[in-house]
Amino acid sequence: MILQRIANRGIRLGTLFERAAAKHGANVLILDHDLDIAPELGRRATVAEIADLIDDFASRLWAAKVRPGQRVVVYKSDGFDITLLACAAARIGAVPVLLSPQLDGETVAELVRRTDEPFLITDQRKLETVLPPAVFELADRVLLTSGSHPGATELRTLAGTPRVAPVTMPPDHPTLITHTSGTTGTPKLAVHTGRTLQARYRPQATVVAPLIRRRETIAMHVSFVHSRLITALAISLFRGFPILVLADADPEHVADLFARLRPGILEAHPNSFKEWEELAQDPRRPLANVKLFSSTFDAIHPRTVQTMLNASRRRAPVFGQLYGQSEVGPAVVRAFSRRRGPDADGRCVGMPFPGFTDVRVVSRNGKEPSEADPGFIEVRSDGRIATYLGEQARYDKQVDDGWWRMGDVGYRTKWGCVHLLDREVDLIEGFGSTLAAEDTLFAKLDDLAEVVIIPGPDGRAVPVVCTKDDKPLDRAAWNAAAASLPPMAEPVQWRLADLPQTATTKIKRLELAGLLAADAQAA
């Protein structure tokens, strides 16, 4: 798309903080956790200090023999230093490969194998309790951020090595590799270039600029291994926004921080916002100063949107929803205000970014895509990844003359608004949109913490229900709320903590369906 291409020199991940420090060096970054690589830094640092830390660890990686073009897998205990290590690797021209701390050891070993003898950055705890011994054979060298282990090099022992100049790779060279959510099996490794990441940054920065005209503190709770964090950081750093980075989404913890720091912008996963609904009742009003709520990764329930907006005391707060995918970045945007009630159509995810992205819906069966007969949603964007590492044929299957198949079904209205109804793999023929049904249930049942409608072993729709504080489900209220929906099996109640989730807190619906089938077979 033309506006993504003009003078696109690439995002230059390795010098991101350094360039921001040149403009706003005294700007602060606040953490809710200590960094494993630099616990002495504490939980409050300037952007200039963070830039220096990245430079320091880039030199340590160079001393460990990491060189331009080599891959560096980062799989360690959760923390913002995952992102900082990615910047450090990119600073010397290496390609960081970020793996979620939630991945199991066998999956990590398989992804390390796919990266072809990379350097592996991890920690003692992951080596001793999660990773199989085979990683030492699969990796060129194992580096530790904390602790010690035979056969691994501790990065702390490389402190004080001479600093090295940044290495600028061509904008079309791989600059970051992340993994997909893994909701449909082993995650795929998505290869981003400097140019594709910059193409994602531009539409988001363009949308934010008129909404936020003055300096605001931004609070972020985004997976440290997701490309979304890179673009969100770039927008904040170059605007000089103070940044609060959260590793812990616990509502009580978050309320304490927000009540003290009063963020004006919140960036989080949809399920995090849903979990934070209780903050609206906190007498300290921790959400009172929020001007912009921002969420991507997945569609968000209207109840959650309105709860957030009504908790703000700003004159005209906005909830910005971005619909996209790891492979293409944000493609569609929609803004919610208080004028849209809790019964607003949550399946309407918005419009493409003019001049930046485009969307089309392709028929599944020769009929015009509609609400009753949704089609395949496809996106065109220069933010699209270059490939799946080691799986080019799989990547090529999803591209048609520049259009990327999203794996979702939906339709477009006569005004062009994109309506997302379901994932292709989650369709229950004859039921209609499971996501729309979930929206209806959320709007009518305040005690719901989560509801996921999946196909049962016999093909019927099965609602899996989680309640706040794990209270017993009010069956009379449930029956009343579900009366207007297509027929479903009896609800199955689970603890929210027991639902299988991705790194971005999406529910793994296929895995959950498999667990239900196994339970039914064992009964």
Protein backbone atom coordinates (compact mmCIF):
# COMPACT_ATOMS: atom_id res chain seq x y z
CA MET A 1 0.00 0.00 0.00
CA ILE A 2 1.40 3.36 -1.11
CA LEU A 3 1.47 5.14 2.29
CA GLN A 4 3.34 2.22 3.85
CA ARG A 5 6.05 2.35 1.19
CA ILE A 6 7.06 6.01 0.88
CA ALA A 7 10.58 6.46 2.31
CA ASN A 8 10.26 3.23 4.31
CA ARG A 9 13.80 2.66 5.63
CA GLY A 10 12.77 -0.05 8.07
CA ILE A 11 12.05 0.19 11.79
CA ARG A 12 15.75 -0.27 12.78
CA LEU A 13 14.98 -2.26 15.90
CA GLY A 14 18.55 -2.26 17.22
CA THR A 15 18.72 1.53 17.55
CA LEU A 16 15.08 2.13 18.48
CA PHE A 17 15.80 3.22 22.06
CA GLU A 18 18.98 5.06 21.08
CA ARG A 19 17.15 7.24 18.54
CA ALA A 20 14.33 7.86 21.01
CA ALA A 21 16.89 8.84 23.67
CA ALA A 22 18.35 11.42 21.29
CA LYS A 23 14.95 13.18 21.35
CA HIS A 24 13.59 12.29 24.79
CA GLY A 25 16.50 10.90 26.79
CA ALA A 26 15.06 11.89 30.18
CA ASN A 27 11.73 10.23 29.45
CA VAL A 28 11.03 7.45 31.95
CA LEU A 29 10.18 3.78 31.65
CA ILE A 30 8.61 2.16 34.71
CA LEU A 31 8.43 -1.60 35.29
CA ASP A 32 6.37 -3.70 37.67
CA HIS A 33 9.18 -6.28 37.84
CA ASP A 34 12.96 -6.50 38.02
CA LEU A 35 14.99 -7.27 34.91
CA ASP A 36 16.87 -10.58 35.09
CA ILE A 37 19.69 -9.10 33.03
CA ALA A 38 20.00 -5.95 35.16
CA PRO A 39 18.28 -6.24 38.57
CA GLU A 40 20.43 -3.35 39.80
CA LEU A 41 18.66 -0.99 37.39
CA GLY A 42 15.52 -1.15 39.53
CA ARG A 43 12.02 -0.49 38.30
CA ARG A 44 12.39 3.05 37.01
CA ALA A 45 14.88 4.10 34.34
CA THR A 46 15.28 6.78 31.72
CA VAL A 47 15.11 5.94 28.04
CA ALA A 48 18.78 6.90 27.83
CA GLU A 49 19.63 4.32 30.52
CA ILE A 50 17.66 1.65 28.70
CA ALA A 51 19.44 2.53 25.43
CA ASP A 52 22.79 2.13 27.22
CA LEU A 53 21.71 -1.24 28.63
CA ILE A 54 20.84 -2.46 25.13
CA ASP A 55 24.23 -1.26 23.87
CA ASP A 56 25.92 -3.08 26.76
CA PHE A 57 24.21 -6.39 26.03
CA ALA A 58 24.77 -6.04 22.30
CA SER A 59 28.50 -5.92 23.08
CA ARG A 60 28.18 -8.98 25.34
CA LEU A 61 26.45 -10.90 22.56
CA TRP A 62 29.22 -9.86 20.18
CA ALA A 63 31.80 -11.10 22.70
CA ALA A 64 29.87 -14.42 22.76
CA LYS A 65 30.55 -14.64 18.98
CA VAL A 66 27.07 -13.64 17.76
CA ARG A 67 27.47 -12.11 14.31
CA PRO A 68 25.26 -10.32 11.73
CA GLY A 69 22.65 -12.56 10.13
CA GLN A 70 22.84 -15.23 12.83
CA ARG A 71 19.68 -16.17 14.72
CA VAL A 72 19.35 -15.69 18.46
CA VAL A 73 16.48 -17.51 20.15
CA VAL A 74 15.26 -15.83 23.35
CA TYR A 75 13.33 -18.18 25.62
CA LYS A 76 13.48 -17.17 29.25
CA SER A 77 11.33 -16.41 32.25
CA ASP A 78 8.81 -13.67 31.56
CA GLY A 79 10.03 -10.09 31.64
CA PHE A 80 10.65 -6.97 29.60
CA ASP A 81 14.29 -7.96 29.15
CA ILE A 82 13.01 -10.38 26.47
CA THR A 83 12.27 -7.30 24.35
CA LEU A 84 15.52 -5.57 25.32
CA LEU A 85 17.55 -8.65 24.36
CA ALA A 86 15.79 -8.64 20.98
CA CYS A 87 16.91 -5.04 20.50
CA ALA A 88 20.44 -5.96 21.58
CA ALA A 89 20.67 -8.82 19.09
CA ALA A 90 19.27 -6.64 16.29
CA ARG A 91 21.79 -3.91 17.18
CA ILE A 92 24.65 -6.13 15.97
CA GLY A 93 22.75 -7.34 12.91
CA ALA A 94 21.61 -10.66 14.36
CA VAL A 95 18.01 -11.87 14.05
CA PRO A 96 16.18 -12.35 17.38
CA VAL A 97 13.69 -15.23 17.57
CA LEU A 98 11.27 -14.64 20.45
CA LEU A 99 9.54 -17.62 22.06
CA SER A 100 6.86 -17.29 24.71
CA PRO A 101 7.83 -18.35 28.26
CA GLN A 102 4.52 -20.25 28.28
CA LEU A 103 5.63 -22.70 25.59
CA ASP A 104 6.47 -26.20 26.77
CA GLY A 105 10.00 -27.56 26.42
CA GLU A 106 9.34 -29.96 23.56
CA THR A 107 7.69 -27.24 21.47
CA VAL A 108 10.63 -24.92 22.15
CA ALA A 109 13.09 -27.63 21.16
CA GLU A 110 11.24 -28.12 17.86
CA LEU A 111 11.27 -24.37 17.14
CA VAL A 112 14.97 -24.16 18.02
CA ARG A 113 15.57 -27.02 15.57
CA ARG A 114 13.75 -25.09 12.84
CA THR A 115 15.99 -22.06 13.36
CA ASP A 116 19.07 -24.12 12.37
CA GLU A 117 21.60 -24.06 15.22
CA PRO A 118 20.89 -20.62 16.66
CA PHE A 119 22.32 -19.08 19.78
CA LEU A 120 19.89 -19.73 22.63
CA ILE A 121 19.38 -17.19 25.41
CA THR A 122 17.63 -18.70 28.41
CA ASP A 123 18.05 -19.01 32.19
CA GLN A 124 18.87 -21.64 34.76
CA ARG A 125 15.25 -22.22 35.75
CA LYS A 126 14.12 -22.90 32.18
CA LEU A 127 17.06 -25.24 31.58
CA GLU A 128 16.46 -27.20 34.77
CA THR A 129 12.66 -27.41 34.78
CA VAL A 130 11.35 -27.00 31.22
CA LEU A 131 13.87 -27.49 28.42
CA PRO A 132 15.01 -30.96 27.33
CA PRO A 133 18.77 -31.69 27.30
CA ALA A 134 18.60 -31.87 23.50
CA VAL A 135 18.65 -28.06 23.25
CA PHE A 136 22.41 -28.13 23.81
CA GLU A 137 22.77 -30.17 20.61
CA LEU A 138 20.24 -28.07 18.69
CA ALA A 139 21.80 -24.71 19.61
CA ASP A 140 25.19 -23.35 18.54
CA ARG A 141 25.71 -22.00 22.07
CA VAL A 142 23.54 -21.51 25.15
CA LEU A 143 23.71 -18.15 26.97
CA LEU A 144 22.20 -17.47 30.39
CA THR A 145 20.50 -14.30 31.65
CA SER A 146 20.53 -15.56 35.24
CA GLY A 147 21.83 -18.50 37.23
CA SER A 148 24.38 -20.98 35.99
CA HIS A 149 24.42 -24.33 34.22
CA PRO A 150 27.17 -26.65 32.93
CA GLY A 151 27.78 -26.07 29.26
CA ALA A 152 26.16 -22.62 29.22
CA THR A 153 27.78 -19.17 29.24
CA GLU A 154 26.55 -16.61 31.75
CA LEU A 155 26.04 -13.22 30.12
CA ARG A 156 27.05 -11.52 33.36
CA THR A 157 30.59 -12.87 32.92
CA LEU A 158 30.87 -10.83 29.71
CA ALA A 159 30.23 -7.49 31.44
CA GLY A 160 32.72 -4.76 30.60
CA THR A 161 33.54 -6.00 27.11
CA PRO A 162 34.29 -3.19 24.63
CA ARG A 163 31.25 -1.61 23.04
CA VAL A 164 30.70 -2.26 19.35
CA ALA A 165 29.18 -0.02 16.71
CA PRO A 166 25.62 -0.82 15.62
CA VAL A 167 25.25 -2.85 12.45
CA THR A 168 22.56 -1.59 10.07
CA MET A 169 21.06 -4.37 7.99
CA PRO A 170 19.12 -3.72 4.75
CA PRO A 171 15.44 -2.94 5.39
CA ASP A 172 14.34 -6.12 3.58
CA HIS A 173 16.58 -8.33 5.70
CA PRO A 174 14.91 -10.31 8.52
CA THR A 175 15.00 -8.25 11.71
CA LEU A 176 12.72 -10.21 14.03
CA ILE A 177 11.12 -13.65 14.17
CA THR A 178 8.07 -14.25 16.33
CA HIS A 179 5.74 -17.20 16.57
CA THR A 180 2.04 -17.50 15.84
CA SER A 181 -0.45 -18.18 18.61
CA GLY A 182 -0.44 -21.94 18.18
CA THR A 183 -4.22 -22.18 18.54
CA THR A 184 -4.27 -24.75 15.75
CA GLY A 185 -1.12 -26.75 16.58
CA THR A 186 2.63 -26.16 16.78
CA PRO A 187 3.32 -22.43 16.35
CA LYS A 188 4.71 -21.20 13.05
CA LEU A 189 7.75 -18.91 12.99
CA ALA A 190 6.86 -15.58 11.38
CA VAL A 191 9.74 -13.68 9.75
CA HIS A 192 9.49 -9.87 9.95
CA THR A 193 11.77 -7.47 8.11
CA GLY A 194 12.60 -3.92 9.08
CA ARG A 195 10.40 -2.71 6.25
CA THR A 196 7.36 -4.82 7.19
CA LEU A 197 7.52 -3.69 10.83
CA GLN A 198 7.79 -0.05 9.76
CA ALA A 199 4.78 -0.58 7.48
CA ARG A 200 2.81 -1.72 10.55
CA TYR A 201 4.01 1.22 12.65
CA ARG A 202 2.85 3.91 10.25
CA PRO A 203 -0.95 3.41 10.21
CA GLN A 204 -1.03 3.02 13.99
CA ALA A 205 1.03 6.17 14.55
CA THR A 206 -1.17 8.04 12.08
CA VAL A 207 -4.36 7.05 13.93
CA VAL A 208 -2.99 7.87 17.40
CA ALA A 209 -1.62 11.32 16.51
CA PRO A 210 -4.95 13.22 16.33
CA LEU A 211 -6.41 11.35 19.32
CA ILE A 212 -3.55 12.08 21.72
CA ARG A 213 -2.23 15.60 21.28
CA ARG A 214 -0.42 16.07 24.60
CA ARG A 215 1.99 14.00 26.65
CA GLU A 216 0.30 11.05 28.36
CA THR A 217 1.60 8.13 30.38
CA ILE A 218 0.99 4.87 28.53
CA ALA A 219 0.57 1.58 30.36
CA MET A 220 1.25 -1.59 28.36
CA HIS A 221 0.41 -5.18 29.12
CA VAL A 222 1.38 -6.92 25.89
CA SER A 223 3.19 -10.22 25.39
CA PHE A 224 6.93 -9.53 25.36
CA VAL A 225 7.37 -11.91 22.41
CA HIS A 226 4.76 -10.30 20.15
CA SER A 227 5.53 -7.92 17.29
CA ARG A 228 2.72 -5.64 18.49
CA LEU A 229 4.88 -4.57 21.44
CA ILE A 230 7.59 -3.30 19.06
CA THR A 231 5.26 -0.94 17.19
CA ALA A 232 3.51 0.20 20.38
CA LEU A 233 6.89 1.00 21.94
CA ALA A 234 8.03 2.89 18.84
CA ILE A 235 4.94 5.12 18.89
CA SER A 236 5.37 5.87 22.60
CA LEU A 237 9.13 6.37 22.56
CA PHE A 238 9.17 8.81 19.65
CA ARG A 239 6.30 10.82 21.16
CA GLY A 240 8.12 11.06 24.50
CA PHE A 241 5.35 9.30 26.44
CA PRO A 242 6.31 7.94 29.88
CA ILE A 243 5.85 4.15 29.67
CA LEU A 244 4.62 1.71 32.32
CA VAL A 245 5.38 -1.90 31.33
CA LEU A 246 3.36 -4.59 33.08
CA ALA A 247 4.26 -8.26 33.35
CA ASP A 248 1.55 -9.01 35.91
CA ALA A 249 -2.10 -8.51 34.87
CA ASP A 250 -3.59 -9.32 38.29
CA PRO A 251 -6.41 -6.75 38.77
CA GLU A 252 -5.44 -5.84 42.34
CA HIS A 253 -1.82 -5.29 41.35
CA VAL A 254 -2.84 -3.27 38.28
CA ALA A 255 -5.30 -1.15 40.27
CA ASP A 256 -2.58 -0.21 42.76
CA LEU A 257 -0.24 0.92 39.98
CA PHE A 258 -2.88 2.77 37.97
CA ALA A 259 -4.23 4.56 41.06
CA ARG A 260 -0.72 5.90 41.69
CA LEU A 261 0.52 6.57 38.15
CA ARG A 262 -2.75 7.59 36.45
CA PRO A 263 -2.06 6.42 32.87
CA GLY A 264 -3.76 8.27 30.02
CA ILE A 265 -3.39 5.41 27.52
CA LEU A 266 -3.85 1.67 28.06
CA GLU A 267 -2.62 -0.97 25.63
CA ALA A 268 -3.53 -4.57 26.50
CA HIS A 269 -4.92 -7.87 25.26
CA PRO A 270 -8.72 -8.19 25.04
CA ASN A 271 -8.81 -10.76 27.84
CA SER A 272 -6.73 -8.48 30.07
CA PHE A 273 -9.30 -5.71 29.66
CA LYS A 274 -12.03 -8.22 30.46
CA GLU A 275 -10.16 -9.20 33.63
CA TRP A 276 -9.79 -5.51 34.53
CA GLU A 277 -13.52 -4.82 34.45
CA GLU A 278 -13.52 -4.92 38.26
CA LEU A 279 -11.23 -1.86 38.27
CA ALA A 280 -14.29 0.18 37.28
CA GLN A 281 -15.68 -0.42 40.78
CA ASP A 282 -12.48 0.49 42.64
CA PRO A 283 -13.11 3.62 44.78
CA ARG A 284 -9.66 4.96 43.85
CA ARG A 285 -10.83 5.20 40.21
CA PRO A 286 -7.65 3.78 38.67
CA LEU A 287 -9.08 4.18 35.14
CA ALA A 288 -10.31 7.75 35.61
CA ASN A 289 -7.52 9.43 33.62
CA VAL A 290 -7.56 7.11 30.60
CA LYS A 291 -8.16 8.93 27.33
CA LEU A 292 -7.43 6.03 24.98
CA PHE A 293 -7.93 2.31 25.51
CA SER A 294 -6.26 0.27 22.77
CA SER A 295 -6.52 -3.42 21.99
CA THR A 296 -5.56 -5.73 19.17
CA PHE A 297 -5.04 -9.49 18.70
CA ASP A 298 -8.76 -10.34 18.81
CA ALA A 299 -12.25 -8.86 18.79
CA ILE A 300 -13.38 -7.57 22.17
CA HIS A 301 -16.77 -7.92 23.86
CA PRO A 302 -18.98 -4.78 23.89
CA ARG A 303 -19.60 -5.18 27.63
CA THR A 304 -15.89 -4.83 28.32
CA VAL A 305 -15.58 -1.81 26.03
CA GLN A 306 -18.39 0.07 27.73
CA THR A 307 -17.17 -0.83 31.21
CA MET A 308 -13.79 0.68 30.41
CA LEU A 309 -15.19 3.83 28.81
CA ASN A 310 -17.63 4.45 31.66
CA ALA A 311 -14.82 4.12 34.19
CA SER A 312 -12.92 7.01 32.59
CA ARG A 313 -13.53 10.57 33.76
CA ARG A 314 -12.00 12.13 30.65
CA ARG A 315 -14.37 14.21 28.57
CA ALA A 316 -14.42 11.99 25.48
CA PRO A 317 -12.53 8.73 26.02
CA VAL A 318 -12.05 6.39 23.07
CA PHE A 319 -11.65 2.64 22.85
CA GLY A 320 -9.63 1.77 19.75
CA GLN A 321 -9.94 -1.79 18.48
CA LEU A 322 -7.45 -3.10 15.94
CA TYR A 323 -8.22 -6.29 14.04
CA GLY A 324 -5.25 -8.06 12.55
CA GLN A 325 -2.95 -11.03 12.84
CA SER A 326 0.67 -11.80 13.70
CA GLU A 327 1.35 -12.35 10.01
CA VAL A 328 0.03 -9.01 8.69
CA GLY A 329 -0.22 -6.69 11.68
CA PRO A 330 -3.29 -4.51 12.23
CA ALA A 331 -5.49 -4.31 9.13
CA VAL A 332 -8.79 -2.86 10.35
CA VAL A 333 -9.58 -0.24 12.99
CA ARG A 334 -12.71 0.78 14.86
CA ALA A 335 -13.23 3.43 17.51
CA PHE A 336 -15.84 3.14 20.26
CA SER A 337 -17.17 5.99 22.36
CA ARG A 338 -19.67 6.20 25.19
CA ARG A 339 -22.36 6.89 22.59
CA ARG A 340 -22.23 3.24 21.52
CA GLY A 341 -24.16 1.20 24.08
CA PRO A 342 -23.23 -2.21 25.50
CA ASP A 343 -25.47 -3.83 22.87
CA ALA A 344 -23.37 -2.43 19.99
CA ASP A 345 -22.47 -5.02 17.38
CA GLY A 346 -19.24 -6.50 18.64
CA ARG A 347 -18.73 -8.41 15.40
CA CYS A 348 -18.16 -5.15 13.51
CA VAL A 349 -14.38 -4.79 13.77
CA GLY A 350 -14.12 -1.69 11.62
CA MET A 351 -12.66 -0.36 8.38
CA PRO A 352 -9.25 -0.72 6.71
CA PHE A 353 -6.67 2.06 7.26
CA PRO A 354 -7.17 4.35 4.21
CA GLY A 355 -4.11 4.20 1.99
CA PHE A 356 -2.40 1.67 4.25
CA THR A 357 -4.38 -1.59 4.23
CA ASP A 358 -7.23 -3.18 2.30
CA VAL A 359 -9.66 -6.03 3.00
CA ARG A 360 -11.82 -8.26 0.83
CA VAL A 361 -14.16 -11.16 1.65
CA VAL A 362 -14.06 -14.16 -0.69
CA SER A 363 -16.98 -16.52 -1.10
CA ARG A 364 -16.65 -20.04 0.31
CA ASN A 365 -19.27 -21.58 -1.97
CA GLY A 366 -19.97 -19.22 -4.88
CA LYS A 367 -22.58 -17.23 -2.97
CA GLU A 368 -22.23 -13.57 -2.00
CA PRO A 369 -20.69 -13.43 1.51
CA SER A 370 -23.26 -12.36 4.09
CA GLU A 371 -24.08 -12.73 7.76
CA ALA A 372 -25.90 -15.99 7.02
CA ASP A 373 -23.21 -17.28 4.65
CA PRO A 374 -19.85 -15.71 5.63
CA GLY A 375 -16.81 -15.76 3.38
CA PHE A 376 -13.05 -15.89 3.88
CA ILE A 377 -11.52 -12.61 5.12
CA GLU A 378 -8.37 -11.61 3.21
CA VAL A 379 -6.04 -8.66 3.80
CA ARG A 380 -3.56 -6.75 1.69
CA SER A 381 -0.80 -4.92 3.60
CA ASP A 382 2.91 -4.20 3.26
CA GLY A 383 3.13 -5.22 6.91
CA ARG A 384 2.80 -8.86 5.88
CA ILE A 385 5.62 -11.11 7.05
CA ALA A 386 8.20 -12.30 4.54
CA THR A 387 7.66 -16.02 5.17
CA TYR A 388 7.20 -18.77 7.73
CA LEU A 389 10.70 -19.90 8.61
CA GLY A 390 11.28 -23.33 7.08
CA GLU A 391 7.67 -23.55 5.83
CA GLN A 392 7.57 -21.57 2.59
CA ALA A 393 4.93 -23.84 1.02
CA ARG A 394 2.65 -23.30 4.02
CA TYR A 395 3.11 -19.54 3.68
CA ASP A 396 2.45 -19.58 -0.06
CA LYS A 397 -0.87 -21.39 0.47
CA GLN A 398 -2.22 -18.36 2.33
CA VAL A 399 -1.26 -15.77 -0.30
CA ASP A 400 -3.30 -15.09 -3.43
CA ASP A 401 -1.92 -12.31 -5.65
CA GLY A 402 -0.86 -10.31 -2.60
CA TRP A 403 -3.99 -11.07 -0.54
CA TRP A 404 -3.42 -12.87 2.76
CA ARG A 405 -6.03 -15.39 3.99
CA MET A 406 -6.66 -14.53 7.67
CA GLY A 407 -8.22 -17.82 8.71
CA ASP A 408 -11.41 -15.98 9.75
CA VAL A 409 -14.84 -15.83 8.15
CA GLY A 410 -17.15 -12.85 7.95
CA TYR A 411 -18.65 -10.32 5.54
CA ARG A 412 -18.63 -6.60 4.70
CA THR A 413 -21.62 -4.33 4.97
CA LYS A 414 -22.70 -1.97 2.19
CA TRP A 415 -20.70 0.73 4.00
CA GLY A 416 -17.56 -1.43 3.89
CA CYS A 417 -17.39 -2.33 7.57
CA VAL A 418 -15.74 -5.70 8.20
CA HIS A 419 -17.75 -8.11 10.34
CA LEU A 420 -15.79 -10.96 11.90
CA LEU A 421 -18.01 -13.93 12.72
CA ASP A 422 -15.70 -16.88 13.49
CA ARG A 423 -12.38 -18.58 12.88
CA GLU A 424 -12.60 -20.96 9.90
CA VAL A 425 -11.66 -23.91 12.11
CA ASP A 426 -14.26 -22.97 14.75
CA LEU A 427 -17.30 -22.80 12.45
CA ILE A 428 -20.29 -24.78 13.67
CA GLU A 429 -22.44 -25.16 10.59
CA GLY A 430 -26.05 -24.13 11.17
CA PHE A 431 -25.30 -22.36 14.45
CA GLY A 432 -24.39 -18.91 13.23
CA SER A 433 -21.59 -16.85 14.76
CA THR A 434 -20.28 -18.33 18.01
CA LEU A 435 -18.54 -15.03 18.74
CA ALA A 436 -21.81 -13.09 18.40
CA ALA A 437 -23.51 -15.58 20.72
CA GLU A 438 -20.73 -15.09 23.25
CA ASP A 439 -21.21 -11.31 23.02
CA THR A 440 -24.92 -11.76 23.78
CA LEU A 441 -24.20 -13.88 26.84
CA PHE A 442 -21.61 -11.43 28.15
CA ALA A 443 -24.02 -8.54 27.75
CA LYS A 444 -26.73 -10.32 29.76
CA LEU A 445 -24.71 -12.08 32.47
CA ASP A 446 -22.55 -9.83 34.63
CA ASP A 447 -21.08 -12.79 36.53
CA LEU A 448 -19.45 -14.29 33.43
CA ALA A 449 -15.66 -14.16 33.40
CA GLU A 450 -15.39 -16.15 30.15
CA VAL A 451 -17.60 -18.12 27.80
CA VAL A 452 -16.32 -20.09 24.83
CA ILE A 453 -18.70 -21.91 22.47
CA ILE A 454 -17.03 -24.86 20.79
CA PRO A 455 -18.20 -27.94 18.87
CA GLY A 456 -18.78 -30.93 21.13
CA PRO A 457 -18.00 -34.56 20.29
CA ASP A 458 -21.43 -34.93 18.65
CA GLY A 459 -21.10 -31.69 16.67
CA ARG A 460 -23.46 -29.68 18.89
CA ALA A 461 -22.43 -26.30 20.22
CA VAL A 462 -21.10 -26.60 23.78
CA PRO A 463 -20.71 -23.46 25.92
CA VAL A 464 -17.73 -23.64 28.31
CA VAL A 465 -18.42 -21.13 31.08
CA CYS A 466 -16.22 -19.47 33.70
CA THR A 467 -17.69 -17.25 36.40
CA LYS A 468 -16.14 -14.50 38.49
CA ASP A 469 -14.57 -15.93 41.65
CA ASP A 470 -15.61 -19.38 40.36
CA LYS A 471 -19.13 -19.02 41.75
CA PRO A 472 -21.70 -21.65 40.70
CA LEU A 473 -23.42 -20.64 37.47
CA ASP A 474 -26.91 -19.21 37.97
CA ARG A 475 -28.78 -21.62 35.72
CA ALA A 476 -32.03 -19.64 35.67
CA ALA A 477 -30.16 -16.52 34.54
CA TRP A 478 -28.25 -18.59 32.00
CA ASN A 479 -31.39 -20.08 30.50
CA ALA A 480 -32.94 -16.63 30.18
CA ALA A 481 -29.82 -15.19 28.53
CA ALA A 482 -29.47 -18.12 26.12
CA ALA A 483 -33.16 -18.24 25.16
CA SER A 484 -32.66 -16.06 22.07
CA LEU A 485 -29.66 -18.05 20.81
CA PRO A 486 -29.55 -21.17 18.65
CA PRO A 487 -29.87 -24.44 20.58
CA MET A 488 -26.80 -25.44 22.58
CA ALA A 489 -25.77 -28.28 24.86
CA GLU A 490 -25.86 -27.72 28.61
CA PRO A 491 -23.12 -25.34 29.77
CA VAL A 492 -19.92 -26.88 31.13
CA GLN A 493 -18.35 -24.84 33.95
CA TRP A 494 -14.55 -24.60 34.22
CA ARG A 495 -12.14 -22.56 36.27
CA LEU A 496 -10.74 -19.71 34.18
CA ALA A 497 -7.19 -20.68 35.16
CA ASP A 498 -7.72 -24.14 33.64
CA LEU A 499 -8.55 -22.93 30.12
CA PRO A 500 -5.65 -23.44 27.67
CA GLN A 501 -4.37 -20.03 26.56
CA THR A 502 -1.87 -18.57 24.11
CA ALA A 503 0.85 -16.03 24.95
CA THR A 504 -1.65 -13.26 24.16
CA THR A 505 -4.32 -14.84 26.43
CA LYS A 506 -6.49 -16.14 23.59
CA ILE A 507 -8.33 -19.33 24.44
CA LYS A 508 -7.05 -22.32 22.46
CA ARG A 509 -10.46 -23.44 21.24
CA LEU A 510 -9.32 -26.57 19.39
CA GLU A 511 -7.32 -27.74 22.39
CA LEU A 512 -10.26 -27.03 24.68
CA ALA A 513 -12.57 -29.04 22.38
CA GLY A 514 -10.08 -31.90 22.55
CA LEU A 515 -10.04 -31.76 26.35
CA LEU A 516 -13.84 -31.85 26.45
CA ALA A 517 -13.92 -34.82 24.08
CA ALA A 518 -11.39 -36.65 26.25
CA ASP A 519 -13.49 -35.95 29.36
CA ALA A 520 -16.61 -37.25 27.62
CA GLN A 521 -14.83 -40.40 26.50
CA ALA A 522 -13.51 -41.04 30.01
CA ALA A 523 -16.94 -40.55 31.61
